[in-house]
Amino acid sequence: MPPISNAPPMTSLALTPPQSRCRDLAAGLFKIHPAVFQLIALIPVIWWFAKRLNDGSDEPLGLLTLGLGLVLAWRDRKSLLTSPLTRVAGAVLLALSVLGIHWLPPMVRAGLAISGIATWYGIHRHSGLMGLLMLSLPLAASMQFFLGYPLRVAAAEGTVRLLELGSLVVTRSGTQVELGGQVVGVDPACGGVRMLWHALAAAMALAAIHRLTWRATIIGGLFAIALVIPANVLRAMLLVVQECGRLPNIMLGHDGIGLASFIIVLLPLWLAISSRARPAVPATGAAPYGRTGLSVLAFSAALAPLLMFATPRRPGPPDMGIGPDVFTFDGLTLPLTPLPPSPAEMAFAESFPGTLASYQWGGSQVILRRVNEATRRLHQSRDCLRAAGFETTEALTIRLGDGTDWARFHAMRDGVRWTISERITSGGNGASWTDVSAWYWAAVRHPLNGPWQAETVITKS
């Protein structure tokens, strides 16, 4: 008989294989709510969105459409239909937004992100809600840049045609209307961009409230655009006639005429969309998240912070030669003294497709920006100053004693008032523009007239 031992039996200590650890990690990730991954992946878009709303170039009205869209989406939450395929499609769209941080325009990335979130939760089937979410993006400055000048020309031309019906002698030059020897310009505030945004927001809100189909919503949006153009022409015509003294006893001021014009747009739009209202249809149930969709969301959440803080190497700006030694403004020519760039100017110059330099010119400061092609990055100085905390007035076109036209506005901060004059000139044919939107379309049509130089003169008032 073998001896009896009091020692415990021998057990084998087997290590957990790597495959098992990966499975445990994946199982833990799949227990995390997808909203957590989505929020982390949205951080770059949220950061850009906050900066755009705070830089003064975009009105924060998009927050209203965002809030209304979320409220209406919550109202219709029982009719939001999802499927495993739409879950994956939404995750892929969000991943594309993250992957495009360094090569897609921020507005495109934000659109992809919103589309991805909407598709994941089934909002993409509700056209009005999608329209509200898209209009929540900071579009005001971009719309003014691309659509401002064409809409102003349309308003000026329509004003001329309406006044000619009254047997008045009236002519148009660009966005300026001459009536009875007086010249009135259709400025950016009267171009109709804001009215267009408000009309589209109203159309999308009505479409979301009444649950219109995609086809009906698109028709409603086009109807809003079709109403805005003649309404804005009517507003411009009334303002021109008022400025020329032909309506001395009119009760409506500038804002009153704008409000009356928008009501003309809103009433038929409300009647047309409300007649197509549809009832809510409950969904059969939400689809499961699925491992594929969650995996893509987790990948996006892990990659977003890394790409957001990465700084890829960018090509340097094109060599556009040595800057000028002297500068002429209002008939006065003085030498230019280069100034060291500020940190803000250095950061902006990294992505500016041209050259940027600041000079001292007598008792004033001159900023010269030069580009070889039409670009969105050559924007008006008011945006930069408002982003720096200045209060600015509207820009007006003035003609100096030397016969040159400049856009002029004032900027105030800490009790100090500055006068800013700026224009864009062509190095090819010597043409000049006081409106950046007008310059952009001219540069697109005639690319060989470059390079172009934006001249900004800052004088302490």
Protein backbone atom coordinates (compact mmCIF):
# COMPACT_ATOMS: atom_id res chain seq x y z
CA MET A 1 0.00 0.00 0.00
CA PRO A 2 1.50 3.38 -0.97
CA PRO A 3 2.08 5.90 1.76
CA ILE A 4 -0.63 8.46 2.34
CA SER A 5 0.55 12.03 1.75
CA ASN A 6 -1.01 15.17 3.23
CA ALA A 7 0.22 17.36 0.35
CA PRO A 8 -2.47 18.91 -1.89
CA PRO A 9 -2.86 17.41 -5.32
CA MET A 10 -0.83 18.97 -8.14
CA THR A 11 -2.83 21.27 -10.48
CA SER A 12 -1.72 22.62 -13.83
CA LEU A 13 -1.59 26.43 -14.14
CA ALA A 14 -2.58 27.13 -17.75
CA LEU A 15 -2.13 30.72 -19.06
CA THR A 16 -5.04 32.42 -20.80
CA PRO A 17 -4.33 32.29 -24.54
CA PRO A 18 -4.18 35.61 -26.46
CA GLN A 19 -7.25 34.66 -28.50
CA SER A 20 -9.29 34.36 -25.32
CA ARG A 21 -8.10 37.75 -24.06
CA CYS A 22 -9.09 39.38 -27.37
CA ARG A 23 -12.51 37.78 -27.15
CA ASP A 24 -12.94 39.09 -23.62
CA LEU A 25 -11.89 42.59 -24.70
CA ALA A 26 -14.29 42.52 -27.64
CA ALA A 27 -17.09 41.31 -25.40
CA GLY A 28 -16.40 44.22 -23.05
CA LEU A 29 -16.45 46.72 -25.90
CA PHE A 30 -19.73 45.41 -27.21
CA LYS A 31 -21.30 46.07 -23.81
CA ILE A 32 -20.56 49.81 -24.13
CA HIS A 33 -23.48 51.84 -25.42
CA PRO A 34 -22.89 52.97 -29.03
CA ALA A 35 -23.68 56.59 -28.07
CA VAL A 36 -20.38 56.69 -26.17
CA PHE A 37 -18.40 55.75 -29.28
CA GLN A 38 -20.42 58.20 -31.36
CA LEU A 39 -19.78 61.07 -28.98
CA ILE A 40 -16.03 60.45 -28.97
CA ALA A 41 -15.96 60.19 -32.78
CA LEU A 42 -17.88 63.48 -33.01
CA ILE A 43 -15.37 65.44 -30.91
CA PRO A 44 -13.49 66.91 -33.97
CA VAL A 45 -16.77 68.02 -35.54
CA ILE A 46 -18.09 69.47 -32.28
CA TRP A 47 -14.82 71.35 -31.75
CA TRP A 48 -14.94 72.83 -35.28
CA PHE A 49 -18.64 73.63 -34.91
CA ALA A 50 -18.02 75.56 -31.67
CA LYS A 51 -15.19 77.57 -33.23
CA ARG A 52 -17.29 78.48 -36.26
CA LEU A 53 -20.18 79.66 -34.11
CA ASN A 54 -17.80 81.75 -31.99
CA ASP A 55 -15.79 83.39 -34.79
CA GLY A 56 -18.51 85.89 -35.66
CA SER A 57 -18.78 84.87 -39.31
CA ASP A 58 -21.76 82.56 -38.75
CA GLU A 59 -24.92 83.38 -36.90
CA PRO A 60 -25.70 80.76 -34.24
CA LEU A 61 -29.19 80.25 -35.66
CA GLY A 62 -28.19 76.71 -36.57
CA LEU A 63 -28.59 75.81 -32.89
CA LEU A 64 -32.31 76.53 -33.23
CA THR A 65 -32.71 74.13 -36.15
CA LEU A 66 -30.61 71.54 -34.31
CA GLY A 67 -32.76 71.82 -31.20
CA LEU A 68 -36.00 71.71 -33.19
CA GLY A 69 -34.77 68.70 -35.15
CA LEU A 70 -33.91 66.80 -31.97
CA VAL A 71 -37.26 67.65 -30.38
CA LEU A 72 -39.19 66.47 -33.43
CA ALA A 73 -37.02 63.35 -33.68
CA TRP A 74 -37.92 62.53 -30.07
CA ARG A 75 -41.58 63.09 -30.90
CA ASP A 76 -41.37 60.62 -33.78
CA ARG A 77 -39.01 58.19 -32.01
CA LYS A 78 -41.57 55.35 -32.24
CA SER A 79 -41.67 55.70 -36.03
CA LEU A 80 -37.90 55.71 -36.58
CA LEU A 81 -37.19 52.53 -38.53
CA THR A 82 -33.74 50.95 -38.40
CA SER A 83 -32.19 47.78 -39.80
CA PRO A 84 -28.82 46.02 -39.46
CA LEU A 85 -27.81 47.45 -42.84
CA THR A 86 -28.63 51.03 -41.88
CA ARG A 87 -26.74 50.62 -38.61
CA VAL A 88 -23.62 49.60 -40.51
CA ALA A 89 -24.13 52.34 -43.11
CA GLY A 90 -24.38 54.96 -40.38
CA ALA A 91 -21.22 53.71 -38.70
CA VAL A 92 -19.33 53.77 -42.01
CA LEU A 93 -20.40 57.37 -42.73
CA LEU A 94 -19.18 58.43 -39.30
CA ALA A 95 -15.89 56.57 -39.89
CA LEU A 96 -15.43 58.40 -43.22
CA SER A 97 -15.87 61.69 -41.39
CA VAL A 98 -13.12 60.72 -38.96
CA LEU A 99 -10.77 59.41 -41.65
CA GLY A 100 -11.18 62.66 -43.62
CA ILE A 101 -10.02 64.95 -40.80
CA HIS A 102 -6.90 66.02 -42.72
CA TRP A 103 -8.10 65.87 -46.31
CA LEU A 104 -11.84 66.66 -46.41
CA PRO A 105 -13.24 70.18 -45.93
CA PRO A 106 -14.67 70.59 -42.42
CA MET A 107 -18.18 71.25 -43.76
CA VAL A 108 -18.12 67.98 -45.71
CA ARG A 109 -16.85 66.06 -42.68
CA ALA A 110 -19.60 67.53 -40.52
CA GLY A 111 -22.20 66.59 -43.13
CA LEU A 112 -20.91 63.02 -43.18
CA ALA A 113 -20.98 62.84 -39.39
CA ILE A 114 -24.55 64.13 -39.16
CA SER A 115 -25.65 61.76 -41.93
CA GLY A 116 -23.99 58.86 -40.11
CA ILE A 117 -25.70 59.58 -36.80
CA ALA A 118 -29.06 60.12 -38.51
CA THR A 119 -28.74 56.88 -40.48
CA TRP A 120 -27.79 54.88 -37.37
CA TYR A 121 -30.97 55.98 -35.58
CA GLY A 122 -33.26 55.83 -38.61
CA ILE A 123 -33.73 59.60 -38.91
CA HIS A 124 -32.59 59.47 -42.55
CA ARG A 125 -36.05 58.23 -43.56
CA HIS A 126 -37.57 61.53 -42.33
CA SER A 127 -36.61 64.16 -44.88
CA GLY A 128 -37.68 67.19 -42.85
CA LEU A 129 -35.58 66.10 -39.87
CA MET A 130 -32.57 65.56 -42.14
CA GLY A 131 -33.05 69.04 -43.58
CA LEU A 132 -33.12 70.62 -40.13
CA LEU A 133 -29.98 68.76 -39.06
CA MET A 134 -28.12 69.83 -42.20
CA LEU A 135 -29.18 73.45 -41.73
CA SER A 136 -27.77 73.31 -38.20
CA LEU A 137 -24.29 73.40 -39.75
CA PRO A 138 -22.61 76.86 -39.77
CA LEU A 139 -23.55 77.69 -43.36
CA ALA A 140 -24.08 81.46 -43.17
CA ALA A 141 -20.56 82.57 -44.13
CA SER A 142 -20.23 79.95 -46.87
CA MET A 143 -23.62 80.86 -48.33
CA GLN A 144 -22.68 84.53 -48.28
CA PHE A 145 -19.35 83.78 -49.93
CA PHE A 146 -20.69 81.65 -52.79
CA LEU A 147 -24.25 82.95 -53.22
CA GLY A 148 -23.99 86.54 -51.99
CA TYR A 149 -22.90 88.21 -55.21
CA PRO A 150 -25.18 86.25 -57.61
CA LEU A 151 -28.19 86.98 -55.41
CA ARG A 152 -27.27 90.67 -55.20
CA VAL A 153 -26.98 90.90 -58.98
CA ALA A 154 -30.36 89.18 -59.34
CA ALA A 155 -31.92 91.62 -56.86
CA ALA A 156 -30.43 94.64 -58.64
CA GLU A 157 -31.51 93.41 -62.07
CA GLY A 158 -35.01 92.62 -60.85
CA THR A 159 -35.22 96.08 -59.28
CA VAL A 160 -34.37 97.67 -62.63
CA ARG A 161 -37.02 95.64 -64.46
CA LEU A 162 -39.73 96.47 -61.93
CA LEU A 163 -38.95 100.18 -61.96
CA GLU A 164 -38.92 100.21 -65.76
CA LEU A 165 -42.53 99.02 -65.64
CA GLY A 166 -43.30 102.35 -63.96
CA SER A 167 -41.70 104.29 -66.85
CA LEU A 168 -38.73 105.29 -64.68
CA VAL A 169 -35.27 105.77 -66.12
CA VAL A 170 -33.07 103.37 -64.18
CA THR A 171 -29.79 101.58 -64.92
CA ARG A 172 -27.71 98.91 -63.25
CA SER A 173 -23.95 98.56 -62.92
CA GLY A 174 -23.01 95.37 -61.12
CA THR A 175 -24.95 95.50 -57.85
CA GLN A 176 -25.55 99.26 -58.01
CA VAL A 177 -28.79 100.82 -59.22
CA GLU A 178 -28.95 104.40 -60.51
CA LEU A 179 -32.30 106.18 -60.26
CA GLY A 180 -32.81 109.89 -60.81
CA GLY A 181 -29.09 110.63 -60.58
CA GLN A 182 -28.71 108.76 -57.30
CA VAL A 183 -26.76 105.51 -56.99
CA VAL A 184 -27.92 102.93 -54.45
CA GLY A 185 -25.99 99.71 -53.94
CA VAL A 186 -27.53 96.36 -53.04
CA ASP A 187 -25.20 95.53 -50.15
CA PRO A 188 -24.57 92.02 -48.75
CA ALA A 189 -27.16 92.52 -46.00
CA CYS A 190 -29.82 92.95 -48.68
CA GLY A 191 -28.55 90.21 -50.97
CA GLY A 192 -31.11 87.70 -49.77
CA VAL A 193 -28.80 85.07 -48.26
CA ARG A 194 -30.31 85.39 -44.80
CA MET A 195 -33.83 85.30 -46.21
CA LEU A 196 -32.91 82.20 -48.20
CA TRP A 197 -31.59 80.43 -45.09
CA HIS A 198 -34.68 81.34 -43.08
CA ALA A 199 -37.00 80.21 -45.87
CA LEU A 200 -35.25 76.85 -46.17
CA ALA A 201 -35.31 76.44 -42.37
CA ALA A 202 -39.05 77.18 -42.36
CA ALA A 203 -39.63 74.69 -45.20
CA MET A 204 -37.68 71.94 -43.43
CA ALA A 205 -39.41 72.65 -40.11
CA LEU A 206 -42.84 72.43 -41.73
CA ALA A 207 -41.81 69.27 -43.57
CA ALA A 208 -40.65 67.69 -40.29
CA ILE A 209 -43.76 68.75 -38.39
CA HIS A 210 -46.08 67.35 -41.06
CA ARG A 211 -43.87 64.30 -41.80
CA LEU A 212 -43.55 64.92 -45.55
CA THR A 213 -42.00 62.39 -47.91
CA TRP A 214 -38.61 63.03 -49.46
CA ARG A 215 -40.22 64.00 -52.76
CA ALA A 216 -42.60 66.47 -51.13
CA THR A 217 -39.79 67.94 -48.98
CA ILE A 218 -37.55 68.53 -52.00
CA ILE A 219 -40.43 70.21 -53.82
CA GLY A 220 -41.06 72.35 -50.73
CA GLY A 221 -37.40 73.41 -50.59
CA LEU A 222 -37.40 74.34 -54.27
CA PHE A 223 -40.64 76.25 -53.76
CA ALA A 224 -39.01 78.19 -50.92
CA ILE A 225 -36.08 79.14 -53.17
CA ALA A 226 -38.47 80.16 -55.94
CA LEU A 227 -40.36 82.42 -53.52
CA VAL A 228 -37.26 84.04 -52.03
CA ILE A 229 -35.90 85.44 -55.30
CA PRO A 230 -38.94 87.59 -56.27
CA ALA A 231 -39.57 88.54 -52.62
CA ASN A 232 -36.00 89.78 -52.29
CA VAL A 233 -36.32 91.68 -55.59
CA LEU A 234 -39.42 93.37 -54.19
CA ARG A 235 -37.58 94.26 -51.00
CA ALA A 236 -34.60 95.66 -52.93
CA MET A 237 -36.90 97.71 -55.16
CA LEU A 238 -38.72 99.24 -52.17
CA LEU A 239 -35.43 100.07 -50.46
CA VAL A 240 -33.99 101.67 -53.60
CA VAL A 241 -37.11 103.78 -54.10
CA GLN A 242 -37.06 104.76 -50.44
CA GLU A 243 -33.36 105.69 -50.50
CA CYS A 244 -33.96 107.86 -53.57
CA GLY A 245 -36.74 109.74 -51.81
CA ARG A 246 -39.58 108.46 -53.98
CA LEU A 247 -41.47 107.07 -50.95
CA PRO A 248 -40.95 109.73 -48.27
CA ASN A 249 -43.99 108.81 -46.18
CA ILE A 250 -43.51 105.04 -46.09
CA MET A 251 -44.29 103.63 -42.66
CA LEU A 252 -41.98 100.63 -42.87
CA GLY A 253 -38.30 101.02 -42.21
CA HIS A 254 -35.48 98.82 -43.47
CA ASP A 255 -36.26 96.01 -41.04
CA GLY A 256 -40.00 96.37 -41.59
CA ILE A 257 -39.62 95.95 -45.34
CA GLY A 258 -37.50 92.85 -44.78
CA LEU A 259 -40.06 91.34 -42.40
CA ALA A 260 -42.94 92.05 -44.79
CA SER A 261 -41.01 90.44 -47.64
CA PHE A 262 -40.37 87.32 -45.58
CA ILE A 263 -44.06 87.04 -44.66
CA ILE A 264 -44.79 87.03 -48.39
CA VAL A 265 -42.55 83.96 -48.61
CA LEU A 266 -43.78 82.24 -45.46
CA LEU A 267 -47.54 82.30 -46.04
CA PRO A 268 -47.69 80.42 -49.38
CA LEU A 269 -44.94 78.09 -48.15
CA TRP A 270 -46.97 77.20 -45.05
CA LEU A 271 -50.15 76.64 -47.08
CA ALA A 272 -48.40 74.45 -49.65
CA ILE A 273 -46.57 72.21 -47.16
CA SER A 274 -49.38 71.92 -44.61
CA SER A 275 -51.69 70.50 -47.27
CA ARG A 276 -49.39 67.46 -47.61
CA ALA A 277 -49.35 66.44 -43.92
CA ARG A 278 -49.00 62.71 -43.19
CA PRO A 279 -49.78 60.80 -39.97
CA ALA A 280 -47.11 59.04 -37.94
CA VAL A 281 -46.58 55.36 -38.75
CA PRO A 282 -45.21 53.27 -35.82
CA ALA A 283 -42.09 51.26 -36.65
CA THR A 284 -41.92 47.52 -36.21
CA GLY A 285 -39.03 47.83 -33.77
CA ALA A 286 -35.42 48.89 -33.58
CA ALA A 287 -32.78 46.67 -35.12
CA PRO A 288 -30.01 45.26 -32.90
CA TYR A 289 -26.75 47.15 -32.91
CA GLY A 290 -24.78 44.26 -34.40
CA ARG A 291 -21.10 43.50 -33.97
CA THR A 292 -20.09 45.01 -37.33
CA GLY A 293 -21.63 48.39 -36.64
CA LEU A 294 -20.27 48.53 -33.10
CA SER A 295 -16.81 47.55 -34.32
CA VAL A 296 -16.79 50.40 -36.85
CA LEU A 297 -17.97 52.84 -34.17
CA ALA A 298 -15.25 51.68 -31.78
CA PHE A 299 -12.65 52.09 -34.55
CA SER A 300 -13.88 55.63 -35.24
CA ALA A 301 -13.84 56.55 -31.55
CA ALA A 302 -10.27 55.27 -31.16
CA LEU A 303 -9.03 57.06 -34.28
CA ALA A 304 -10.75 60.45 -33.84
CA PRO A 305 -8.59 61.82 -30.97
CA LEU A 306 -5.40 60.59 -32.62
CA LEU A 307 -6.11 62.25 -35.96
CA MET A 308 -7.52 65.38 -34.34
CA PHE A 309 -4.28 66.22 -32.56
CA ALA A 310 -1.95 64.93 -35.27
CA THR A 311 -0.26 67.62 -37.35
CA PRO A 312 0.48 66.33 -40.85
CA ARG A 313 3.06 68.07 -42.94
CA ARG A 314 1.49 70.54 -45.34
CA PRO A 315 3.12 71.86 -48.49
CA GLY A 316 4.36 75.41 -48.18
CA PRO A 317 2.61 78.29 -49.92
CA PRO A 318 3.57 79.02 -53.52
CA ASP A 319 6.44 81.43 -54.08
CA MET A 320 4.83 84.67 -55.23
CA GLY A 321 7.89 86.87 -55.21
CA ILE A 322 9.07 89.62 -52.87
CA GLY A 323 6.44 91.92 -51.44
CA PRO A 324 6.22 95.62 -52.43
CA ASP A 325 8.42 98.31 -50.89
CA VAL A 326 5.82 101.08 -51.01
CA PHE A 327 2.03 101.28 -50.83
CA THR A 328 -0.43 103.82 -52.20
CA PHE A 329 -3.72 104.61 -50.50
CA ASP A 330 -6.00 107.60 -51.17
CA GLY A 331 -3.29 109.24 -53.26
CA LEU A 332 -0.62 108.91 -50.56
CA THR A 333 2.46 106.74 -51.21
CA LEU A 334 4.64 105.72 -48.27
CA PRO A 335 7.25 102.99 -47.68
CA LEU A 336 6.25 99.72 -46.09
CA THR A 337 8.02 98.42 -42.98
CA PRO A 338 7.56 94.64 -42.45
CA LEU A 339 6.09 93.65 -39.10
CA PRO A 340 6.77 90.32 -37.35
CA PRO A 341 3.83 87.94 -37.74
CA SER A 342 1.60 87.38 -34.75
CA PRO A 343 0.87 83.83 -33.53
CA ALA A 344 -2.62 84.06 -35.04
CA GLU A 345 -1.18 85.12 -38.41
CA MET A 346 1.35 82.29 -38.32
CA ALA A 347 -1.38 79.74 -37.61
CA PHE A 348 -3.56 81.11 -40.40
CA ALA A 349 -0.65 81.20 -42.86
CA GLU A 350 -0.12 77.43 -42.45
CA SER A 351 -3.31 76.67 -44.39
CA PHE A 352 -3.52 79.83 -46.50
CA PRO A 353 -2.97 79.05 -50.22
CA GLY A 354 -0.75 82.07 -50.85
CA THR A 355 1.33 84.62 -48.97
CA LEU A 356 0.35 86.75 -46.01
CA ALA A 357 2.35 89.72 -44.72
CA SER A 358 1.74 92.63 -42.36
CA TYR A 359 3.42 96.04 -42.66
CA GLN A 360 3.59 99.38 -40.92
CA TRP A 361 2.60 102.17 -43.31
CA GLY A 362 3.06 105.56 -41.72
CA GLY A 363 0.71 105.60 -38.74
CA SER A 364 -1.40 102.76 -40.14
CA GLN A 365 -1.08 99.02 -40.63
CA VAL A 366 -1.36 97.34 -44.03
CA ILE A 367 -2.06 93.61 -44.48
CA LEU A 368 -1.42 92.13 -47.93
CA ARG A 369 -2.69 88.67 -48.89
CA ARG A 370 -1.79 87.25 -52.31
CA VAL A 371 -3.25 84.21 -54.06
CA ASN A 372 -2.92 82.61 -57.49
CA GLU A 373 -6.41 81.09 -57.73
CA ALA A 374 -9.97 81.48 -56.53
CA THR A 375 -10.14 80.23 -52.96
CA ARG A 376 -12.57 80.27 -50.03
CA ARG A 377 -9.68 81.07 -47.70
CA LEU A 378 -9.47 84.63 -49.01
CA HIS A 379 -12.35 85.98 -46.95
CA GLN A 380 -13.23 89.40 -45.62
CA SER A 381 -11.32 90.84 -42.67
CA ARG A 382 -14.51 91.37 -40.65
CA ASP A 383 -14.64 87.63 -39.94
CA CYS A 384 -11.13 87.62 -38.49
CA LEU A 385 -11.72 90.71 -36.37
CA ARG A 386 -15.03 89.42 -34.99
CA ALA A 387 -13.30 86.15 -34.11
CA ALA A 388 -10.72 88.20 -32.19
CA GLY A 389 -13.45 89.81 -30.09
CA PHE A 390 -14.04 93.05 -32.03
CA GLU A 391 -17.46 94.56 -32.59
CA THR A 392 -17.79 95.52 -36.25
CA THR A 393 -20.17 97.60 -38.32
CA GLU A 394 -21.54 96.68 -41.73
CA ALA A 395 -19.13 97.26 -44.62
CA LEU A 396 -20.03 100.09 -47.01
CA THR A 397 -18.48 100.83 -50.40
CA ILE A 398 -16.84 104.26 -50.56
CA ARG A 399 -14.93 106.10 -53.29
CA LEU A 400 -11.73 107.84 -52.23
CA GLY A 401 -10.32 111.05 -53.61
CA ASP A 402 -8.04 109.17 -56.00
CA GLY A 403 -11.08 107.51 -57.64
CA THR A 404 -10.58 104.03 -56.14
CA ASP A 405 -13.39 102.10 -54.48
CA TRP A 406 -12.91 100.46 -51.09
CA ALA A 407 -15.08 98.59 -48.62
CA ARG A 408 -14.97 100.37 -45.26
CA PHE A 409 -16.17 99.38 -41.82
CA HIS A 410 -15.30 100.11 -38.22
CA ALA A 411 -14.13 97.78 -35.46
CA MET A 412 -14.27 98.47 -31.73
CA ARG A 413 -12.72 96.75 -28.71
CA ASP A 414 -11.74 97.94 -25.23
CA GLY A 415 -12.89 101.48 -26.03
CA VAL A 416 -10.63 101.77 -29.08
CA ARG A 417 -12.14 102.32 -32.54
CA TRP A 418 -10.43 101.34 -35.78
CA THR A 419 -11.29 102.14 -39.38
CA ILE A 420 -10.66 99.32 -41.83
CA SER A 421 -10.58 99.76 -45.60
CA GLU A 422 -10.07 96.83 -47.92
CA ARG A 423 -10.30 95.73 -51.52
CA ILE A 424 -9.01 93.00 -53.85
CA THR A 425 -7.01 93.86 -56.94
CA SER A 426 -6.03 91.84 -60.01
CA GLY A 427 -2.42 91.66 -61.09
CA GLY A 428 -3.52 90.71 -64.61
CA ASN A 429 -5.86 93.47 -65.72
CA GLY A 430 -5.87 95.88 -62.78
CA ALA A 431 -9.54 95.27 -61.88
CA SER A 432 -10.62 95.69 -58.26
CA TRP A 433 -13.44 94.39 -56.06
CA THR A 434 -14.84 95.53 -52.73
CA ASP A 435 -16.87 92.34 -52.24
CA VAL A 436 -15.11 88.99 -51.81
CA SER A 437 -18.01 87.05 -53.35
CA ALA A 438 -17.84 89.19 -56.51
CA TRP A 439 -14.08 88.62 -56.70
CA TYR A 440 -14.45 84.86 -56.28
CA TRP A 441 -16.80 84.46 -59.25
CA ALA A 442 -14.66 86.76 -61.39
CA ALA A 443 -11.57 84.69 -60.50
CA VAL A 444 -13.43 81.47 -61.34
CA ARG A 445 -14.49 82.82 -64.75
CA HIS A 446 -11.13 84.42 -65.57
CA PRO A 447 -8.38 82.43 -63.82
CA LEU A 448 -5.64 83.99 -65.96
CA ASN A 449 -6.21 87.45 -64.49
CA GLY A 450 -4.29 86.50 -61.35
CA PRO A 451 -2.45 86.73 -59.11
CA TRP A 452 -4.77 88.69 -56.88
CA GLN A 453 -3.94 90.79 -53.85
CA ALA A 454 -6.24 91.60 -50.94
CA GLU A 455 -5.27 94.95 -49.45
CA THR A 456 -6.39 95.86 -45.93
CA VAL A 457 -5.60 99.24 -44.35
CA ILE A 458 -6.16 99.58 -40.59
CA THR A 459 -6.18 103.08 -39.13
CA LYS A 460 -6.85 104.09 -35.54
CA SER A 461 -9.87 106.40 -35.42
